[in-house]
Amino acid sequence: MIKIRKIDHVAVAVNDIDEAVAKYRAVFGLEGVGREVVTSQKTEAVLLPIGDSNIELISPRGNDGLAKFLEKRGPGLHHIAIEVEGIESALALLKSLGVPLIDETPRNGARGHKVAFVHPKATGGVLVELVEPAEGH
């Protein structure tokens, strides 16, 4: 059984992070925090905290898949991230069940978290990211 804690974030792909942050501030009064270039993902990300969760605005910084997503679909919902306890065991369980995975082992993501993506084929078309927070988060 996978130990799911919460929705960590909902990621929205954008071409221009500054413009997107300004829109979310103007429309909802949300402020961006934790802006970072995530070298391992070749993206730039900023969080817009909402209660215990976040909207994460992401923009490609060399990430071809994200750039193609924006070119094909335009800005919009990219993925949902679920916080799990024990990401390695969650991935092993999913793999043993034959669930299609993009990542069979976790990689480093934003905020120093361990992350891995489940293929959209497994969920009827929704890209799902598993997240295990870095210690102290």
Protein backbone atom coordinates (compact mmCIF):
# COMPACT_ATOMS: atom_id res chain seq x y z
CA MET A 1 0.00 0.00 0.00
CA ILE A 2 1.32 3.42 -0.93
CA LYS A 3 1.33 5.90 1.95
CA ILE A 4 -0.17 9.06 0.44
CA ARG A 5 -0.05 12.20 2.59
CA LYS A 6 -1.57 14.99 0.47
CA ILE A 7 -1.53 16.79 -2.84
CA ASP A 8 1.82 18.57 -2.76
CA HIS A 9 1.13 20.76 -5.76
CA VAL A 10 -0.66 21.19 -9.02
CA ALA A 11 1.80 22.23 -11.72
CA VAL A 12 0.90 24.72 -14.42
CA ALA A 13 3.18 25.03 -17.44
CA VAL A 14 3.84 28.62 -18.48
CA ASN A 15 6.05 30.36 -21.02
CA ASP A 16 6.84 33.38 -18.83
CA ILE A 17 7.02 32.86 -15.06
CA ASP A 18 7.09 36.58 -14.22
CA GLU A 19 3.95 37.20 -16.26
CA ALA A 20 2.19 34.17 -14.72
CA VAL A 21 3.10 35.17 -11.15
CA ALA A 22 1.73 38.66 -11.84
CA LYS A 23 -1.55 37.17 -13.13
CA TYR A 24 -2.03 34.90 -10.10
CA ARG A 25 -1.23 37.85 -7.79
CA ALA A 26 -3.71 40.13 -9.59
CA VAL A 27 -6.51 37.55 -9.81
CA PHE A 28 -6.13 35.62 -6.52
CA GLY A 29 -3.74 37.68 -4.39
CA LEU A 30 -1.22 34.81 -4.35
CA GLU A 31 2.47 35.54 -3.87
CA GLY A 32 5.23 33.47 -5.41
CA VAL A 33 7.85 31.91 -3.11
CA GLY A 34 10.80 29.59 -3.51
CA ARG A 35 11.65 30.47 -7.08
CA GLU A 36 14.42 28.21 -8.38
CA VAL A 37 15.97 26.77 -11.48
CA VAL A 38 15.80 23.00 -11.07
CA THR A 39 18.90 21.87 -12.93
CA SER A 40 18.01 18.16 -12.81
CA GLN A 41 14.61 18.86 -14.42
CA LYS A 42 15.83 21.67 -16.70
CA THR A 43 12.96 23.85 -15.51
CA GLU A 44 12.34 27.01 -13.56
CA ALA A 45 9.70 26.80 -10.85
CA VAL A 46 7.94 29.07 -8.40
CA LEU A 47 5.41 28.06 -5.76
CA LEU A 48 2.15 29.82 -4.99
CA PRO A 49 1.18 28.45 -1.54
CA ILE A 50 -2.48 27.70 -0.84
CA GLY A 51 -3.04 26.20 2.60
CA ASP A 52 -1.10 22.93 2.87
CA SER A 53 -0.63 22.72 -0.90
CA ASN A 54 0.70 24.82 -3.77
CA ILE A 55 0.24 25.80 -7.35
CA GLU A 56 3.62 25.37 -8.98
CA LEU A 57 4.34 27.44 -12.07
CA ILE A 58 6.92 25.73 -14.29
CA SER A 59 8.74 26.96 -17.35
CA PRO A 60 11.30 25.12 -19.50
CA ARG A 61 14.98 25.95 -19.10
CA GLY A 62 16.22 23.34 -21.55
CA ASN A 63 13.46 20.76 -20.84
CA ASP A 64 12.45 19.65 -24.32
CA GLY A 65 9.36 17.73 -23.15
CA LEU A 66 7.96 20.77 -21.35
CA ALA A 67 8.81 23.03 -24.28
CA LYS A 68 6.95 20.65 -26.64
CA PHE A 69 4.00 20.54 -24.22
CA LEU A 70 3.74 24.35 -24.30
CA GLU A 71 4.16 24.45 -28.08
CA LYS A 72 1.47 21.82 -28.65
CA ARG A 73 -1.07 22.69 -25.93
CA GLY A 74 -0.13 26.15 -24.70
CA PRO A 75 0.03 27.15 -21.05
CA GLY A 76 -2.06 25.09 -18.66
CA LEU A 77 -2.30 22.16 -16.25
CA HIS A 78 0.81 19.98 -16.59
CA HIS A 79 0.76 17.52 -13.68
CA ILE A 80 -0.52 16.74 -10.20
CA ALA A 81 2.05 15.96 -7.49
CA ILE A 82 1.16 13.61 -4.65
CA GLU A 83 3.28 13.57 -1.50
CA VAL A 84 4.14 10.02 -0.47
CA GLU A 85 6.02 8.43 2.38
CA GLY A 86 8.78 6.11 1.12
CA ILE A 87 9.00 6.96 -2.57
CA GLU A 88 11.34 4.04 -3.36
CA SER A 89 8.90 1.48 -1.94
CA ALA A 90 5.97 3.22 -3.69
CA LEU A 91 7.79 2.95 -7.03
CA ALA A 92 8.71 -0.70 -6.40
CA LEU A 93 5.07 -1.52 -5.64
CA LEU A 94 3.80 0.29 -8.74
CA LYS A 95 6.41 -1.44 -10.91
CA SER A 96 5.45 -4.86 -9.46
CA LEU A 97 1.83 -4.12 -10.38
CA GLY A 98 2.82 -3.35 -13.97
CA VAL A 99 1.99 0.36 -13.69
CA PRO A 100 3.79 2.30 -16.47
CA LEU A 101 6.41 4.61 -14.97
CA ILE A 102 8.48 7.40 -16.45
CA ASP A 103 10.93 7.12 -13.54
CA GLU A 104 11.67 3.77 -11.90
CA THR A 105 13.98 5.46 -9.38
CA PRO A 106 13.56 8.90 -7.81
CA ARG A 107 15.50 11.93 -8.98
CA ASN A 108 16.15 15.31 -7.37
CA GLY A 109 13.35 17.83 -7.81
CA ALA A 110 12.48 21.31 -6.62
CA ARG A 111 13.11 22.12 -2.94
CA GLY A 112 15.54 19.21 -2.72
CA HIS A 113 12.66 16.71 -2.76
CA LYS A 114 12.85 13.23 -4.27
CA VAL A 115 10.49 12.97 -7.24
CA ALA A 116 9.37 10.40 -9.81
CA PHE A 117 6.74 10.52 -12.53
CA VAL A 118 4.04 7.95 -13.26
CA HIS A 119 3.21 7.66 -16.97
CA PRO A 120 -0.10 9.29 -17.98
CA LYS A 121 -1.18 5.94 -19.51
CA ALA A 122 -1.57 4.67 -15.92
CA THR A 123 -4.07 7.36 -14.95
CA GLY A 124 -6.15 7.92 -18.05
CA GLY A 125 -4.10 10.81 -19.35
CA VAL A 126 -2.99 12.72 -16.24
CA LEU A 127 0.74 13.05 -15.53
CA VAL A 128 1.27 12.30 -11.82
CA GLU A 129 4.42 13.14 -9.90
CA LEU A 130 5.26 11.34 -6.67
CA VAL A 131 7.07 13.58 -4.17
CA GLU A 132 8.91 12.71 -0.98
CA PRO A 133 9.91 15.87 0.88
CA ALA A 134 13.52 16.53 1.80
CA GLU A 135 14.22 16.20 5.52
CA GLY A 136 13.01 19.23 7.45
CA HIS A 137 10.25 20.17 4.95
